[in-house]
Protein backbone atom coordinates (compact mmCIF):
# COMPACT_ATOMS: atom_id res chain seq x y z
CA UNK A 1 0.00 0.00 0.00
CA UNK A 2 2.84 2.41 0.79
CA UNK A 3 4.17 1.90 -2.75
CA UNK A 4 0.88 3.27 -4.13
CA UNK A 5 1.25 6.34 -1.93
CA UNK A 6 4.66 7.07 -3.42
CA UNK A 7 3.33 6.61 -6.94
CA UNK A 8 0.44 9.02 -6.28
CA UNK A 9 2.75 11.44 -4.49
CA UNK A 10 5.25 11.32 -7.36
CA UNK A 11 2.48 12.01 -9.86
CA UNK A 12 1.21 14.86 -7.72
CA UNK A 13 4.71 16.37 -7.52
CA UNK A 14 5.19 16.05 -11.28
CA UNK A 15 1.85 17.77 -11.91
CA UNK A 16 2.76 20.56 -9.48
CA UNK A 17 6.14 21.00 -11.23
CA UNK A 18 4.41 21.15 -14.63
CA UNK A 19 2.04 23.81 -13.28
CA UNK A 20 4.84 25.86 -11.76
CA UNK A 21 6.97 25.60 -14.90
CA UNK A 22 4.14 26.62 -17.20
CA UNK A 23 3.51 29.72 -15.07
CA UNK A 24 6.55 31.17 -16.78
CA UNK A 25 4.82 30.70 -20.15
CA UNK A 26 1.47 32.28 -19.19
CA UNK A 27 2.73 35.87 -19.52
CA UNK A 28 0.38 36.92 -16.75
CA UNK A 29 -2.54 34.87 -18.13
CA UNK A 30 -2.10 36.35 -21.62
CA UNK A 31 -1.24 32.90 -23.03
CA UNK A 32 -4.51 30.99 -22.62
CA UNK A 33 -3.12 27.53 -23.43
CA UNK A 34 -0.31 27.81 -20.87
CA UNK A 35 -2.78 29.20 -18.32
CA UNK A 36 -5.06 26.18 -18.80
CA UNK A 37 -2.08 23.85 -18.30
CA UNK A 38 -1.24 25.64 -15.02
CA UNK A 39 -4.82 25.48 -13.72
CA UNK A 40 -5.38 21.83 -14.68
CA UNK A 41 -1.98 20.72 -13.39
CA UNK A 42 -2.54 22.31 -10.00
CA UNK A 43 -6.13 21.05 -9.82
CA UNK A 44 -5.00 17.47 -10.42
CA UNK A 45 -1.92 17.82 -8.18
CA UNK A 46 -3.99 19.14 -5.27
CA UNK A 47 -6.66 16.48 -5.79
CA UNK A 48 -4.04 13.74 -5.47
CA UNK A 49 -2.46 15.55 -2.50
CA UNK A 50 -5.81 15.62 -0.69
CA UNK A 51 -6.41 11.93 -1.41
CA UNK A 52 -2.94 11.00 -0.15
CA UNK A 53 -3.18 13.01 3.07
CA UNK A 54 -6.48 11.35 4.01
CA UNK A 55 -4.69 8.30 5.43
CA UNK A 56 -1.08 9.41 5.83
CA UNK A 57 0.92 11.82 7.94
CA UNK A 58 0.27 15.35 6.77
CA UNK A 59 3.68 16.64 7.87
CA UNK A 60 5.63 13.99 5.99
CA UNK A 61 3.50 14.16 2.82
CA UNK A 62 3.63 17.97 2.79
CA UNK A 63 7.39 18.03 3.27
CA UNK A 64 7.92 15.51 0.47
CA UNK A 65 5.47 17.28 -1.86
CA UNK A 66 6.78 20.78 -1.33
CA UNK A 67 10.45 19.79 -1.06
CA UNK A 68 10.35 17.56 -4.12
CA UNK A 69 8.55 20.23 -6.12
CA UNK A 70 10.92 22.98 -4.99
CA UNK A 71 14.00 20.95 -5.88
CA UNK A 72 12.67 20.01 -9.31
CA UNK A 73 11.42 23.51 -10.14
CA UNK A 74 14.80 24.96 -9.15
CA UNK A 75 16.63 22.52 -11.42
CA UNK A 76 14.18 23.08 -14.30
CA UNK A 77 14.51 26.85 -13.89
CA UNK A 78 18.25 26.55 -14.37
CA UNK A 79 17.94 24.17 -17.34
CA UNK A 80 14.96 25.67 -19.18
CA UNK A 81 15.17 29.36 -18.34
CA UNK A 82 18.87 29.90 -17.69
CA UNK A 83 18.25 30.97 -14.10
CA UNK A 84 21.28 31.67 -11.97
CA UNK A 85 23.27 28.96 -10.28
CA UNK A 86 25.43 29.40 -7.27
CA UNK A 87 27.11 27.26 -4.70
CA UNK A 88 24.49 28.31 -2.14
CA UNK A 89 21.62 27.36 -4.46
CA UNK A 90 23.13 23.93 -5.15
CA UNK A 91 23.73 23.35 -1.42
CA UNK A 92 20.09 24.27 -0.82
CA UNK A 93 18.88 21.73 -3.38
CA UNK A 94 21.15 19.06 -1.87
CA UNK A 95 19.76 19.84 1.60
CA UNK A 96 16.19 19.56 0.30
CA UNK A 97 16.98 16.19 -1.29
CA UNK A 98 18.73 15.08 1.93
CA UNK A 99 15.64 16.03 3.91
CA UNK A 100 13.42 14.04 1.56
CA UNK A 101 15.71 11.03 2.01
CA UNK A 102 15.70 11.51 5.78
CA UNK A 103 11.92 11.63 5.91
CA UNK A 104 11.70 8.38 3.99
CA UNK A 105 14.06 6.32 6.11
CA UNK A 106 12.51 4.25 8.81
CA UNK A 107 13.65 5.39 12.22
CA UNK A 108 12.45 4.68 15.70
CA UNK A 109 9.03 6.20 16.23
CA UNK A 110 8.78 8.86 18.92
CA UNK A 111 5.04 8.32 19.29
CA UNK A 112 4.25 7.31 22.83
CA UNK A 113 7.88 7.62 24.00
CA UNK A 114 8.18 9.36 27.37
CA UNK A 115 11.32 11.13 28.59
């Protein structure tokens, strides 16, 4: 069952990244086709996000969704739009990816643990 969550989450992240990337092409909603892509992508991404969070930890799903999207959009901005790169930006992306990895590793649960 957890595998399905990651598939849905991955699809939701990809849709969110498509929506964010196409924002650049909308020219402030002047480009109707790009605007429709943005609206539909976010509608589908948020629908999947809502379905996923129904039975899973909101904090973890939100961190994975927003972190994954941020990392991918940053990389696509550099590749597609020639946005600036810097050591700090690359360190930030690596930290985001490290956080995603850390959230997905099974550690000892703190639930119900008393000091």
